Structure formats: structure tokens, C-alpha cells
Amino acid sequence: QVQLVESGGGLVQAGGSLRLSCAASGRTFSNYNIGWFRQAPGKERKFVALIRWSDSSTYYADSVKGRFTISKDNAKNTVYLQMNSLKPEDTAVYYCATSSYSTVRSSEYGHWGQGTQVTVSS
């Protein structure tokens, strides 16, 4: 069983940056793909980015492409989401999750963290 813990959220002004971390314990991320999702109040959870553990290839939602970067540190069993040029519409709870598939569908992800709040002020 994999336990995921997100951290790094907070309050930032528009145009600022944050780096989120997703640390795994219990088992390693090996053989899993890692996705970041976000959920704004009253809205459905949406895909943000994913990284494949096998080859580190990445995929992003159009809304964050060019501003967000997903990466991983195998030794630390941690995945990061570097968020630059933040906008008020990026405000949400951000979650990381594992999947055996390279997919944007949240239903295909099994283990989820508790989430970390990101608030971008205008």
C-alpha cells in the first residue's frame, strides 16, 4: 500500500511561484505513474499533469502547459510540481495520485494524497 503526502501549498500573489511535493511511503513509486489533479470549490477534480515512472515522460493540461513542470526524484521517492506564473484561476486543492496507466482520468488513479491548498490572490 502506498501512502501519499502532499505539501508546499500556500497563499501567493498572481505571477508568483510555488513548488508542491508528493512524497510516497509504504511502497515506492516504482511501476506507477504519478498524476497531479486539482479541485476548486464547487467544481469537479481536474487533471493537471502526469509523469511516467518508466521513462519520466510528462503530459500537461493545456491550462498549465508552459507554466507548470512535473518532475521526480527517485532517491527521495518524491514527485514535484513546480508552478510558475500563477493565476487566480489556479486556486484549488491539489492532489497527487498513482496509476498503472498514463491517463488523465481521475477514475484510473488508485492511491490519493490528502491534498494541499493553493490560493492565488489577484
PDB file of N, CA and C in Angstrom:
ATOM      1  N   GLN A   1       0.841  -1.194   0.000  1.00  0.00           N
ATOM      2  CA  GLN A   1       0.000   0.000   0.000  1.00  0.00           C
ATOM      3  C   GLN A   1       0.874   1.241   0.000  1.00  0.00           C
ATOM      4  N   VAL A   2       0.541   2.167  -0.870  1.00  0.00           N
ATOM      5  CA  VAL A   2       1.283   3.415  -0.975  1.00  0.00           C
ATOM      6  C   VAL A   2       0.525   4.517  -0.250  1.00  0.00           C
ATOM      7  N   GLN A   3       1.216   5.242   0.590  1.00  0.00           N
ATOM      8  CA  GLN A   3       0.642   6.440   1.199  1.00  0.00           C
ATOM      9  C   GLN A   3       1.299   7.663   0.581  1.00  0.00           C
ATOM     10  N   LEU A   4       0.490   8.623   0.210  1.00  0.00           N
ATOM     11  CA  LEU A   4       0.981   9.833  -0.438  1.00  0.00           C
ATOM     12  C   LEU A   4       0.709  11.044   0.450  1.00  0.00           C
ATOM     13  N   VAL A   5       1.689  11.911   0.540  1.00  0.00           N
ATOM     14  CA  VAL A   5       1.537  13.131   1.331  1.00  0.00           C
ATOM     15  C   VAL A   5       1.976  14.313   0.488  1.00  0.00           C
ATOM     16  N   GLU A   6       1.037  15.231   0.241  1.00  0.00           N
ATOM     17  CA  GLU A   6       1.363  16.442  -0.498  1.00  0.00           C
ATOM     18  C   GLU A   6       1.757  17.549   0.476  1.00  0.00           C
ATOM     19  N   SER A   7       2.603  18.436   0.009  1.00  0.00           N
ATOM     20  CA  SER A   7       2.995  19.601   0.789  1.00  0.00           C
ATOM     21  C   SER A   7       3.416  20.709  -0.160  1.00  0.00           C
ATOM     22  N   GLY A   8       3.581  21.914   0.402  1.00  0.00           N
ATOM     23  CA  GLY A   8       4.085  23.023  -0.394  1.00  0.00           C
ATOM     24  C   GLY A   8       3.041  24.042  -0.810  1.00  0.00           C
ATOM     25  N   GLY A   9       1.794  23.770  -0.505  1.00  0.00           N
ATOM     26  CA  GLY A   9       0.762  24.728  -0.863  1.00  0.00           C
ATOM     27  C   GLY A   9       0.847  25.982  -0.011  1.00  0.00           C
ATOM     28  N   GLY A  10       0.049  26.980  -0.377  1.00  0.00           N
ATOM     29  CA  GLY A  10       0.045  28.217   0.385  1.00  0.00           C
ATOM     30  C   GLY A  10      -0.644  29.323  -0.370  1.00  0.00           C
ATOM     31  N   LEU A  11      -0.449  30.532   0.132  1.00  0.00           N
ATOM     32  CA  LEU A  11      -1.029  31.731  -0.473  1.00  0.00           C
ATOM     33  C   LEU A  11       0.065  32.472  -1.223  1.00  0.00           C
ATOM     34  N   VAL A  12      -0.217  32.818  -2.462  1.00  0.00           N
ATOM     35  CA  VAL A  12       0.760  33.518  -3.288  1.00  0.00           C
ATOM     36  C   VAL A  12       0.043  34.536  -4.162  1.00  0.00           C
ATOM     37  N   GLN A  13       0.732  35.590  -4.504  1.00  0.00           N
ATOM     38  CA  GLN A  13       0.147  36.586  -5.397  1.00  0.00           C
ATOM     39  C   GLN A  13       0.205  36.115  -6.843  1.00  0.00           C
ATOM     40  N   ALA A  14      -0.684  36.621  -7.649  1.00  0.00           N
ATOM     41  CA  ALA A  14      -0.665  36.305  -9.075  1.00  0.00           C
ATOM     42  C   ALA A  14       0.703  36.629  -9.658  1.00  0.00           C
ATOM     43  N   GLY A  15       1.192  35.726 -10.494  1.00  0.00           N
ATOM     44  CA  GLY A  15       2.513  35.872 -11.062  1.00  0.00           C
ATOM     45  C   GLY A  15       3.605  35.186 -10.266  1.00  0.00           C
ATOM     46  N   GLY A  16       3.274  34.749  -9.067  1.00  0.00           N
ATOM     47  CA  GLY A  16       4.242  34.097  -8.206  1.00  0.00           C
ATOM     48  C   GLY A  16       4.403  32.621  -8.514  1.00  0.00           C
ATOM     49  N   SER A  17       5.196  31.957  -7.662  1.00  0.00           N
ATOM     50  CA  SER A  17       5.523  30.546  -7.870  1.00  0.00           C
ATOM     51  C   SER A  17       5.366  29.763  -6.581  1.00  0.00           C
ATOM     52  N   LEU A  18       5.082  28.492  -6.732  1.00  0.00           N
ATOM     53  CA  LEU A  18       5.069  27.538  -5.631  1.00  0.00           C
ATOM     54  C   LEU A  18       5.592  26.209  -6.164  1.00  0.00           C
ATOM     55  N   ARG A  19       6.180  25.420  -5.263  1.00  0.00           N
ATOM     56  CA  ARG A  19       6.558  24.060  -5.629  1.00  0.00           C
ATOM     57  C   ARG A  19       5.864  23.099  -4.686  1.00  0.00           C
ATOM     58  N   LEU A  20       5.050  22.241  -5.257  1.00  0.00           N
ATOM     59  CA  LEU A  20       4.372  21.215  -4.486  1.00  0.00           C
ATOM     60  C   LEU A  20       5.199  19.938  -4.493  1.00  0.00           C
ATOM     61  N   SER A  21       5.118  19.206  -3.395  1.00  0.00           N
ATOM     62  CA  SER A  21       5.793  17.920  -3.286  1.00  0.00           C
ATOM     63  C   SER A  21       4.772  16.832  -2.994  1.00  0.00           C
ATOM     64  N   CYS A  22       5.057  15.657  -3.501  1.00  0.00           N
ATOM     65  CA  CYS A  22       4.229  14.479  -3.250  1.00  0.00           C
ATOM     66  C   CYS A  22       5.180  13.364  -2.844  1.00  0.00           C
ATOM     67  N   ALA A  23       5.188  13.047  -1.571  1.00  0.00           N
ATOM     68  CA  ALA A  23       6.096  12.043  -1.046  1.00  0.00           C
ATOM     69  C   ALA A  23       5.357  10.733  -0.803  1.00  0.00           C
ATOM     70  N   ALA A  24       5.993   9.643  -1.200  1.00  0.00           N
ATOM     71  CA  ALA A  24       5.386   8.325  -1.028  1.00  0.00           C
ATOM     72  C   ALA A  24       6.033   7.583   0.121  1.00  0.00           C
ATOM     73  N   SER A  25       5.230   6.851   0.841  1.00  0.00           N
ATOM     74  CA  SER A  25       5.749   5.969   1.888  1.00  0.00           C
ATOM     75  C   SER A  25       4.982   4.661   1.821  1.00  0.00           C
ATOM     76  N   GLY A  26       5.510   3.663   2.477  1.00  0.00           N
ATOM     77  CA  GLY A  26       4.879   2.355   2.440  1.00  0.00           C
ATOM     78  C   GLY A  26       5.433   1.510   1.317  1.00  0.00           C
ATOM     79  N   ARG A  27       5.314   2.025   0.129  1.00  0.00           N
ATOM     80  CA  ARG A  27       5.904   1.405  -1.045  1.00  0.00           C
ATOM     81  C   ARG A  27       6.466   2.500  -1.920  1.00  0.00           C
ATOM     82  N   THR A  28       7.334   2.144  -2.821  1.00  0.00           N
ATOM     83  CA  THR A  28       7.903   3.151  -3.707  1.00  0.00           C
ATOM     84  C   THR A  28       6.940   3.429  -4.864  1.00  0.00           C
ATOM     85  N   PHE A  29       7.315   4.446  -5.625  1.00  0.00           N
ATOM     86  CA  PHE A  29       6.530   4.801  -6.797  1.00  0.00           C
ATOM     87  C   PHE A  29       6.804   3.876  -7.983  1.00  0.00           C
ATOM     88  N   SER A  30       7.762   2.966  -7.827  1.00  0.00           N
ATOM     89  CA  SER A  30       8.132   2.123  -8.956  1.00  0.00           C
ATOM     90  C   SER A  30       6.911   1.454  -9.566  1.00  0.00           C
ATOM     91  N   ASN A  31       6.870   1.468 -10.872  1.00  0.00           N
ATOM     92  CA  ASN A  31       5.791   0.853 -11.650  1.00  0.00           C
ATOM     93  C   ASN A  31       4.486   1.648 -11.622  1.00  0.00           C
ATOM     94  N   TYR A  32       4.503   2.824 -11.018  1.00  0.00           N
ATOM     95  CA  TYR A  32       3.322   3.674 -11.037  1.00  0.00           C
ATOM     96  C   TYR A  32       3.607   4.937 -11.847  1.00  0.00           C
ATOM     97  N   ASN A  33       2.588   5.456 -12.462  1.00  0.00           N
ATOM     98  CA  ASN A  33       2.640   6.803 -12.997  1.00  0.00           C
ATOM     99  C   ASN A  33       2.012   7.732 -11.963  1.00  0.00           C
ATOM    100  N   ILE A  34       2.496   8.942 -11.895  1.00  0.00           N
ATOM    101  CA  ILE A  34       2.025   9.881 -10.883  1.00  0.00           C
ATOM    102  C   ILE A  34       1.327  11.054 -11.553  1.00  0.00           C
ATOM    103  N   GLY A  35       0.169  11.339 -11.079  1.00  0.00           N
ATOM    104  CA  GLY A  35      -0.586  12.461 -11.615  1.00  0.00           C
ATOM    105  C   GLY A  35      -0.861  13.508 -10.564  1.00  0.00           C
ATOM    106  N   TRP A  36      -0.954  14.732 -11.007  1.00  0.00           N
ATOM    107  CA  TRP A  36      -1.428  15.832 -10.159  1.00  0.00           C
ATOM    108  C   TRP A  36      -2.801  16.251 -10.683  1.00  0.00           C
ATOM    109  N   PHE A  37      -3.712  16.443  -9.761  1.00  0.00           N
ATOM    110  CA  PHE A  37      -5.054  16.915 -10.062  1.00  0.00           C
ATOM    111  C   PHE A  37      -5.351  18.110  -9.159  1.00  0.00           C
ATOM    112  N   ARG A  38      -6.367  18.859  -9.514  1.00  0.00           N
ATOM    113  CA  ARG A  38      -6.783  19.949  -8.647  1.00  0.00           C
ATOM    114  C   ARG A  38      -8.300  20.063  -8.649  1.00  0.00           C
ATOM    115  N   GLN A  39      -8.796  20.571  -7.544  1.00  0.00           N
ATOM    116  CA  GLN A  39     -10.237  20.716  -7.389  1.00  0.00           C
ATOM    117  C   GLN A  39     -10.539  22.046  -6.731  1.00  0.00           C
ATOM    118  N   ALA A  40     -11.238  22.899  -7.468  1.00  0.00           N
ATOM    119  CA  ALA A  40     -11.679  24.182  -6.943  1.00  0.00           C
ATOM    120  C   ALA A  40     -13.028  23.991  -6.251  1.00  0.00           C
ATOM    121  N   PRO A  41     -13.385  24.881  -5.348  1.00  0.00           N
ATOM    122  CA  PRO A  41     -14.661  24.749  -4.628  1.00  0.00           C
ATOM    123  C   PRO A  41     -15.848  24.663  -5.579  1.00  0.00           C
ATOM    124  N   GLY A  42     -16.677  23.659  -5.384  1.00  0.00           N
ATOM    125  CA  GLY A  42     -17.868  23.508  -6.191  1.00  0.00           C
ATOM    126  C   GLY A  42     -17.641  22.968  -7.584  1.00  0.00           C
ATOM    127  N   LYS A  43     -16.403  22.573  -7.869  1.00  0.00           N
ATOM    128  CA  LYS A  43     -16.091  22.084  -9.215  1.00  0.00           C
ATOM    129  C   LYS A  43     -15.533  20.670  -9.143  1.00  0.00           C
ATOM    130  N   GLU A  44     -15.525  19.996 -10.279  1.00  0.00           N
ATOM    131  CA  GLU A  44     -15.007  18.636 -10.313  1.00  0.00           C
ATOM    132  C   GLU A  44     -13.485  18.645 -10.304  1.00  0.00           C
ATOM    133  N   ARG A  45     -12.934  17.514  -9.892  1.00  0.00           N
ATOM    134  CA  ARG A  45     -11.491  17.369  -9.880  1.00  0.00           C
ATOM    135  C   ARG A  45     -10.978  17.280 -11.318  1.00  0.00           C
ATOM    136  N   LYS A  46      -9.914  18.035 -11.597  1.00  0.00           N
ATOM    137  CA  LYS A  46      -9.396  18.094 -12.963  1.00  0.00           C
ATOM    138  C   LYS A  46      -7.926  17.708 -13.024  1.00  0.00           C
ATOM    139  N   PHE A  47      -7.565  17.091 -14.120  1.00  0.00           N
ATOM    140  CA  PHE A  47      -6.179  16.693 -14.368  1.00  0.00           C
ATOM    141  C   PHE A  47      -5.303  17.920 -14.561  1.00  0.00           C
ATOM    142  N   VAL A  48      -4.078  17.838 -14.026  1.00  0.00           N
ATOM    143  CA  VAL A  48      -3.108  18.916 -14.186  1.00  0.00           C
ATOM    144  C   VAL A  48      -1.876  18.425 -14.947  1.00  0.00           C
ATOM    145  N   ALA A  49      -1.261  17.355 -14.458  1.00  0.00           N
ATOM    146  CA  ALA A  49      -0.022  16.871 -15.072  1.00  0.00           C
ATOM    147  C   ALA A  49       0.224  15.436 -14.635  1.00  0.00           C
ATOM    148  N   LEU A  50       1.009  14.727 -15.439  1.00  0.00           N
ATOM    149  CA  LEU A  50       1.432  13.385 -15.042  1.00  0.00           C
ATOM    150  C   LEU A  50       2.861  13.137 -15.485  1.00  0.00           C
ATOM    151  N   ILE A  51       3.505  12.201 -14.796  1.00  0.00           N
ATOM    152  CA  ILE A  51       4.848  11.768 -15.150  1.00  0.00           C
ATOM    153  C   ILE A  51       4.892  10.257 -15.102  1.00  0.00           C
ATOM    154  N   ARG A  52       5.469   9.681 -16.119  1.00  0.00           N
ATOM    155  CA  ARG A  52       5.599   8.237 -16.174  1.00  0.00           C
ATOM    156  C   ARG A  52       6.868   7.812 -15.444  1.00  0.00           C
ATOM    157  N   TRP A  53       6.732   6.843 -14.568  1.00  0.00           N
ATOM    158  CA  TRP A  53       7.900   6.440 -13.790  1.00  0.00           C
ATOM    159  C   TRP A  53       8.934   5.733 -14.643  1.00  0.00           C
ATOM    160  N   SER A  54       8.490   5.060 -15.721  1.00  0.00           N
ATOM    161  CA  SER A  54       9.416   4.245 -16.510  1.00  0.00           C
ATOM    162  C   SER A  54      10.404   5.087 -17.294  1.00  0.00           C
ATOM    163  N   ASP A  55       9.927   6.184 -17.885  1.00  0.00           N
ATOM    164  CA  ASP A  55      10.820   6.966 -18.752  1.00  0.00           C
ATOM    165  C   ASP A  55      10.788   8.458 -18.459  1.00  0.00           C
ATOM    166  N   SER A  56      10.078   8.855 -17.410  1.00  0.00           N
ATOM    167  CA  SER A  56       9.966  10.259 -16.993  1.00  0.00           C
ATOM    168  C   SER A  56       9.299  11.153 -18.024  1.00  0.00           C
ATOM    169  N   SER A  57       8.591  10.565 -18.958  1.00  0.00           N
ATOM    170  CA  SER A  57       7.863  11.409 -19.907  1.00  0.00           C
ATOM    171  C   SER A  57       6.717  12.106 -19.174  1.00  0.00           C
ATOM    172  N   THR A  58       6.359  13.270 -19.661  1.00  0.00           N
ATOM    173  CA  THR A  58       5.376  14.093 -18.966  1.00  0.00           C
ATOM    174  C   THR A  58       4.235  14.505 -19.890  1.00  0.00           C
ATOM    175  N   TYR A  59       3.144  14.890 -19.281  1.00  0.00           N
ATOM    176  CA  TYR A  59       1.979  15.340 -20.034  1.00  0.00           C
ATOM    177  C   TYR A  59       1.246  16.364 -19.177  1.00  0.00           C
ATOM    178  N   TYR A  60       0.750  17.441 -19.824  1.00  0.00           N
ATOM    179  CA  TYR A  60       0.142  18.532 -19.081  1.00  0.00           C
ATOM    180  C   TYR A  60      -1.229  18.897 -19.646  1.00  0.00           C
ATOM    181  N   ALA A  61      -2.059  19.389 -18.771  1.00  0.00           N
ATOM    182  CA  ALA A  61      -3.299  20.001 -19.231  1.00  0.00           C
ATOM    183  C   ALA A  61      -2.954  21.292 -19.970  1.00  0.00           C
ATOM    184  N   ASP A  62      -3.748  21.631 -20.955  1.00  0.00           N
ATOM    185  CA  ASP A  62      -3.476  22.837 -21.743  1.00  0.00           C
ATOM    186  C   ASP A  62      -3.440  24.082 -20.861  1.00  0.00           C
ATOM    187  N   SER A  63      -4.237  24.088 -19.814  1.00  0.00           N
ATOM    188  CA  SER A  63      -4.353  25.277 -18.969  1.00  0.00           C
ATOM    189  C   SER A  63      -3.074  25.581 -18.186  1.00  0.00           C
ATOM    190  N   VAL A  64      -2.184  24.592 -18.050  1.00  0.00           N
ATOM    191  CA  VAL A  64      -0.960  24.812 -17.263  1.00  0.00           C
ATOM    192  C   VAL A  64       0.306  24.639 -18.097  1.00  0.00           C
ATOM    193  N   LYS A  65       0.162  24.216 -19.329  1.00  0.00           N
ATOM    194  CA  LYS A  65       1.316  23.966 -20.182  1.00  0.00           C
ATOM    195  C   LYS A  65       2.156  25.232 -20.322  1.00  0.00           C
ATOM    196  N   GLY A  66       3.454  25.077 -20.133  1.00  0.00           N
ATOM    197  CA  GLY A  66       4.364  26.209 -20.221  1.00  0.00           C
ATOM    198  C   GLY A  66       4.544  26.942 -18.910  1.00  0.00           C
ATOM    199  N   ARG A  67       3.695  26.675 -17.930  1.00  0.00           N
ATOM    200  CA  ARG A  67       3.812  27.329 -16.613  1.00  0.00           C
ATOM    201  C   ARG A  67       4.165  26.338 -15.504  1.00  0.00           C
ATOM    202  N   PHE A  68       3.678  25.126 -15.609  1.00  0.00           N
ATOM    203  CA  PHE A  68       3.909  24.104 -14.586  1.00  0.00           C
ATOM    204  C   PHE A  68       4.890  23.063 -15.122  1.00  0.00           C
ATOM    205  N   THR A  69       5.681  22.508 -14.217  1.00  0.00           N
ATOM    206  CA  THR A  69       6.619  21.443 -14.567  1.00  0.00           C
ATOM    207  C   THR A  69       6.532  20.350 -13.523  1.00  0.00           C
ATOM    208  N   ILE A  70       6.311  19.124 -13.990  1.00  0.00           N
ATOM    209  CA  ILE A  70       6.295  17.974 -13.096  1.00  0.00           C
ATOM    210  C   ILE A  70       7.635  17.253 -13.207  1.00  0.00           C
ATOM    211  N   SER A  71       8.148  16.812 -12.074  1.00  0.00           N
ATOM    212  CA  SER A  71       9.429  16.109 -12.066  1.00  0.00           C
ATOM    213  C   SER A  71       9.444  15.127 -10.907  1.00  0.00           C
ATOM    214  N   LYS A  72      10.466  14.282 -10.873  1.00  0.00           N
ATOM    215  CA  LYS A  72      10.542  13.301  -9.792  1.00  0.00           C
ATOM    216  C   LYS A  72      11.968  13.118  -9.341  1.00  0.00           C
ATOM    217  N   ASP A  73      12.096  12.697  -8.105  1.00  0.00           N
ATOM    218  CA  ASP A  73      13.385  12.366  -7.514  1.00  0.00           C
ATOM    219  C   ASP A  73      13.264  10.924  -7.038  1.00  0.00           C
ATOM    220  N   ASN A  74      13.877  10.016  -7.794  1.00  0.00           N
ATOM    221  CA  ASN A  74      13.748   8.596  -7.467  1.00  0.00           C
ATOM    222  C   ASN A  74      14.297   8.281  -6.076  1.00  0.00           C
ATOM    223  N   ALA A  75      15.423   8.878  -5.750  1.00  0.00           N
ATOM    224  CA  ALA A  75      16.075   8.580  -4.471  1.00  0.00           C
ATOM    225  C   ALA A  75      15.194   8.997  -3.290  1.00  0.00           C
ATOM    226  N   LYS A  76      14.448  10.072  -3.464  1.00  0.00           N
ATOM    227  CA  LYS A  76      13.590  10.569  -2.382  1.00  0.00           C
ATOM    228  C   LYS A  76      12.166  10.049  -2.507  1.00  0.00           C
ATOM    229  N   ASN A  77      11.898   9.305  -3.574  1.00  0.00           N
ATOM    230  CA  ASN A  77      10.549   8.792  -3.804  1.00  0.00           C
ATOM    231  C   ASN A  77       9.516   9.917  -3.738  1.00  0.00           C
ATOM    232  N   THR A  78       9.847  10.983  -4.427  1.00  0.00           N
ATOM    233  CA  THR A  78       9.043  12.199  -4.364  1.00  0.00           C
ATOM    234  C   THR A  78       8.819  12.746  -5.768  1.00  0.00           C
ATOM    235  N   VAL A  79       7.630  13.247  -5.995  1.00  0.00           N
ATOM    236  CA  VAL A  79       7.284  13.917  -7.241  1.00  0.00           C
ATOM    237  C   VAL A  79       6.985  15.370  -6.920  1.00  0.00           C
ATOM    238  N   TYR A  80       7.413  16.249  -7.808  1.00  0.00           N
ATOM    239  CA  TYR A  80       7.244  17.686  -7.592  1.00  0.00           C
ATOM    240  C   TYR A  80       6.363  18.288  -8.681  1.00  0.00           C
ATOM    241  N   LEU A  81       5.724  19.379  -8.329  1.00  0.00           N
ATOM    242  CA  LEU A  81       5.005  20.183  -9.308  1.00  0.00           C
ATOM    243  C   LEU A  81       5.440  21.627  -9.104  1.00  0.00           C
ATOM    244  N   GLN A  82       6.298  22.086 -10.000  1.00  0.00           N
ATOM    245  CA  GLN A  82       6.742  23.478  -9.962  1.00  0.00           C
ATOM    246  C   GLN A  82       5.722  24.321 -10.709  1.00  0.00           C
ATOM    247  N   MET A  83       5.177  25.301 -10.027  1.00  0.00           N
ATOM    248  CA  MET A  83       4.122  26.128 -10.607  1.00  0.00           C
ATOM    249  C   MET A  83       4.604  27.570 -10.682  1.00  0.00           C
ATOM    250  N   ASN A  84       4.723  28.075 -11.885  1.00  0.00           N
ATOM    251  CA  ASN A  84       5.172  29.450 -12.123  1.00  0.00           C
ATOM    252  C   ASN A  84       4.055  30.255 -12.767  1.00  0.00           C
ATOM    253  N   SER A  85       4.215  31.560 -12.737  1.00  0.00           N
ATOM    254  CA  SER A  85       3.232  32.462 -13.352  1.00  0.00           C
ATOM    255  C   SER A  85       1.814  32.109 -12.919  1.00  0.00           C
ATOM    256  N   LEU A  86       1.646  31.949 -11.637  1.00  0.00           N
ATOM    257  CA  LEU A  86       0.360  31.514 -11.114  1.00  0.00           C
ATOM    258  C   LEU A  86      -0.723  32.553 -11.344  1.00  0.00           C
ATOM    259  N   LYS A  87      -1.926  32.055 -11.573  1.00  0.00           N
ATOM    260  CA  LYS A  87      -3.092  32.900 -11.834  1.00  0.00           C
ATOM    261  C   LYS A  87      -4.161  32.616 -10.776  1.00  0.00           C
ATOM    262  N   PRO A  88      -5.048  33.547 -10.546  1.00  0.00           N
ATOM    263  CA  PRO A  88      -6.132  33.292  -9.574  1.00  0.00           C
ATOM    264  C   PRO A  88      -6.929  32.034  -9.904  1.00  0.00           C
ATOM    265  N   GLU A  89      -7.067  31.728 -11.177  1.00  0.00           N
ATOM    266  CA  GLU A  89      -7.827  30.533 -11.560  1.00  0.00           C
ATOM    267  C   GLU A  89      -7.091  29.232 -11.251  1.00  0.00           C
ATOM    268  N   ASP A  90      -5.854  29.321 -10.809  1.00  0.00           N
ATOM    269  CA  ASP A  90      -5.122  28.134 -10.360  1.00  0.00           C
ATOM    270  C   ASP A  90      -5.471  27.769  -8.917  1.00  0.00           C
ATOM    271  N   THR A  91      -6.238  28.619  -8.253  1.00  0.00           N
ATOM    272  CA  THR A  91      -6.630  28.357  -6.875  1.00  0.00           C
ATOM    273  C   THR A  91      -7.442  27.078  -6.777  1.00  0.00           C
ATOM    274  N   ALA A  92      -6.994  26.158  -5.931  1.00  0.00           N
ATOM    275  CA  ALA A  92      -7.644  24.857  -5.787  1.00  0.00           C
ATOM    276  C   ALA A  92      -6.908  24.052  -4.721  1.00  0.00           C
ATOM    277  N   VAL A  93      -7.497  22.931  -4.362  1.00  0.00           N
ATOM    278  CA  VAL A  93      -6.777  21.920  -3.606  1.00  0.00           C
ATOM    279  C   VAL A  93      -6.100  21.011  -4.622  1.00  0.00           C
ATOM    280  N   TYR A  94      -4.812  20.809  -4.440  1.00  0.00           N
ATOM    281  CA  TYR A  94      -4.025  20.000  -5.364  1.00  0.00           C
ATOM    282  C   TYR A  94      -3.752  18.633  -4.745  1.00  0.00           C
ATOM    283  N   TYR A  95      -3.973  17.592  -5.540  1.00  0.00           N
ATOM    284  CA  TYR A  95      -3.803  16.220  -5.105  1.00  0.00           C
ATOM    285  C   TYR A  95      -2.819  15.491  -6.021  1.00  0.00           C
ATOM    286  N   CYS A  96      -2.038  14.597  -5.449  1.00  0.00           N
ATOM    287  CA  CYS A  96      -1.267  13.666  -6.265  1.00  0.00           C
ATOM    288  C   CYS A  96      -1.874  12.278  -6.108  1.00  0.00           C
ATOM    289  N   ALA A  97      -1.633  11.458  -7.114  1.00  0.00           N
ATOM    290  CA  ALA A  97      -2.230  10.119  -7.122  1.00  0.00           C
ATOM    291  C   ALA A  97      -1.418   9.203  -8.005  1.00  0.00           C
ATOM    292  N   THR A  98      -1.598   7.901  -7.814  1.00  0.00           N
ATOM    293  CA  THR A  98      -0.863   6.913  -8.589  1.00  0.00           C
ATOM    294  C   THR A  98      -1.799   6.167  -9.529  1.00  0.00           C
ATOM    295  N   SER A  99      -1.217   5.747 -10.649  1.00  0.00           N
ATOM    296  CA  SER A  99      -1.975   4.966 -11.608  1.00  0.00           C
ATOM    297  C   SER A  99      -1.039   4.027 -12.348  1.00  0.00           C
ATOM    298  N   SER A 100      -1.572   2.906 -12.768  1.00  0.00           N
ATOM    299  CA  SER A 100      -0.805   1.985 -13.612  1.00  0.00           C
ATOM    300  C   SER A 100      -0.902   2.396 -15.077  1.00  0.00           C
ATOM    301  N   TYR A 101      -1.689   3.412 -15.354  1.00  0.00           N
ATOM    302  CA  TYR A 101      -1.919   3.862 -16.719  1.00  0.00           C
ATOM    303  C   TYR A 101      -1.451   5.307 -16.889  1.00  0.00           C
ATOM    304  N   SER A 102      -1.124   5.665 -18.118  1.00  0.00           N
ATOM    305  CA  SER A 102      -0.841   7.062 -18.462  1.00  0.00           C
ATOM    306  C   SER A 102      -2.165   7.673 -18.881  1.00  0.00           C
ATOM    307  N   THR A 103      -2.851   8.261 -17.948  1.00  0.00           N
ATOM    308  CA  THR A 103      -4.223   8.685 -18.180  1.00  0.00           C
ATOM    309  C   THR A 103      -4.520   9.998 -17.483  1.00  0.00           C
ATOM    310  N   VAL A 104      -5.477  10.739 -18.040  1.00  0.00           N
ATOM    311  CA  VAL A 104      -5.918  11.988 -17.415  1.00  0.00           C
ATOM    312  C   VAL A 104      -7.202  11.772 -16.600  1.00  0.00           C
ATOM    313  N   ARG A 105      -7.732  10.547 -16.641  1.00  0.00           N
ATOM    314  CA  ARG A 105      -8.990  10.266 -15.945  1.00  0.00           C
ATOM    315  C   ARG A 105      -8.732   9.950 -14.483  1.00  0.00           C
ATOM    316  N   SER A 106      -9.324  10.705 -13.607  1.00  0.00           N
ATOM    317  CA  SER A 106      -9.098  10.511 -12.180  1.00  0.00           C
ATOM    318  C   SER A 106      -9.582   9.143 -11.712  1.00  0.00           C
ATOM    319  N   SER A 107     -10.552   8.574 -12.410  1.00  0.00           N
ATOM    320  CA  SER A 107     -11.075   7.259 -12.021  1.00  0.00           C
ATOM    321  C   SER A 107     -10.046   6.147 -12.198  1.00  0.00           C
ATOM    322  N   GLU A 108      -9.004   6.417 -12.982  1.00  0.00           N
ATOM    323  CA  GLU A 108      -7.972   5.422 -13.222  1.00  0.00           C
ATOM    324  C   GLU A 108      -6.843   5.499 -12.198  1.00  0.00           C
ATOM    325  N   TYR A 109      -6.971   6.391 -11.253  1.00  0.00           N
ATOM    326  CA  TYR A 109      -5.947   6.556 -10.222  1.00  0.00           C
ATOM    327  C   TYR A 109      -6.425   5.921  -8.925  1.00  0.00           C
ATOM    328  N   GLY A 110      -5.487   5.222  -8.263  1.00  0.00           N
ATOM    329  CA  GLY A 110      -5.876   4.462  -7.090  1.00  0.00           C
ATOM    330  C   GLY A 110      -5.569   5.136  -5.778  1.00  0.00           C
ATOM    331  N   HIS A 111      -4.302   5.345  -5.507  1.00  0.00           N
ATOM    332  CA  HIS A 111      -3.902   5.946  -4.250  1.00  0.00           C
ATOM    333  C   HIS A 111      -3.888   7.461  -4.377  1.00  0.00           C
ATOM    334  N   TRP A 112      -4.467   8.139  -3.398  1.00  0.00           N
ATOM    335  CA  TRP A 112      -4.547   9.604  -3.403  1.00  0.00           C
ATOM    336  C   TRP A 112      -3.999  10.155  -2.093  1.00  0.00           C
ATOM    337  N   GLY A 113      -3.386  11.330  -2.204  1.00  0.00           N
ATOM    338  CA  GLY A 113      -2.992  12.038  -1.006  1.00  0.00           C
ATOM    339  C   GLY A 113      -4.160  12.839  -0.452  1.00  0.00           C
ATOM    340  N   GLN A 114      -3.890  13.567   0.625  1.00  0.00           N
ATOM    341  CA  GLN A 114      -4.946  14.316   1.297  1.00  0.00           C
ATOM    342  C   GLN A 114      -5.177  15.692   0.676  1.00  0.00           C
ATOM    343  N   GLY A 115      -4.247  16.117  -0.159  1.00  0.00           N
ATOM    344  CA  GLY A 115      -4.372  17.393  -0.837  1.00  0.00           C
ATOM    345  C   GLY A 115      -3.675  18.525  -0.114  1.00  0.00           C
ATOM    346  N   THR A 116      -3.304  19.544  -0.881  1.00  0.00           N
ATOM    347  CA  THR A 116      -2.692  20.747  -0.325  1.00  0.00           C
ATOM    348  C   THR A 116      -3.332  21.952  -1.005  1.00  0.00           C
ATOM    349  N   GLN A 117      -3.680  22.957  -0.203  1.00  0.00           N
ATOM    350  CA  GLN A 117      -4.401  24.118  -0.713  1.00  0.00           C
ATOM    351  C   GLN A 117      -3.441  25.108  -1.366  1.00  0.00           C
ATOM    352  N   VAL A 118      -3.797  25.537  -2.557  1.00  0.00           N
ATOM    353  CA  VAL A 118      -3.080  26.604  -3.249  1.00  0.00           C
ATOM    354  C   VAL A 118      -4.064  27.740  -3.483  1.00  0.00           C
ATOM    355  N   THR A 119      -3.705  28.924  -3.013  1.00  0.00           N
ATOM    356  CA  THR A 119      -4.555  30.096  -3.188  1.00  0.00           C
ATOM    357  C   THR A 119      -3.737  31.194  -3.858  1.00  0.00           C
ATOM    358  N   VAL A 120      -4.235  31.676  -4.979  1.00  0.00           N
ATOM    359  CA  VAL A 120      -3.554  32.717  -5.729  1.00  0.00           C
ATOM    360  C   VAL A 120      -4.405  33.972  -5.679  1.00  0.00           C
ATOM    361  N   SER A 121      -3.858  35.012  -5.110  1.00  0.00           N
ATOM    362  CA  SER A 121      -4.602  36.268  -4.984  1.00  0.00           C
ATOM    363  C   SER A 121      -4.311  37.177  -6.167  1.00  0.00           C
ATOM    364  N   SER A 122      -5.288  37.964  -6.523  1.00  0.00           N
ATOM    365  CA  SER A 122      -5.130  38.853  -7.682  1.00  0.00           C
ATOM    366  C   SER A 122      -4.580  40.211  -7.268  1.00  0.00           C
TER     367      SER A 122
END
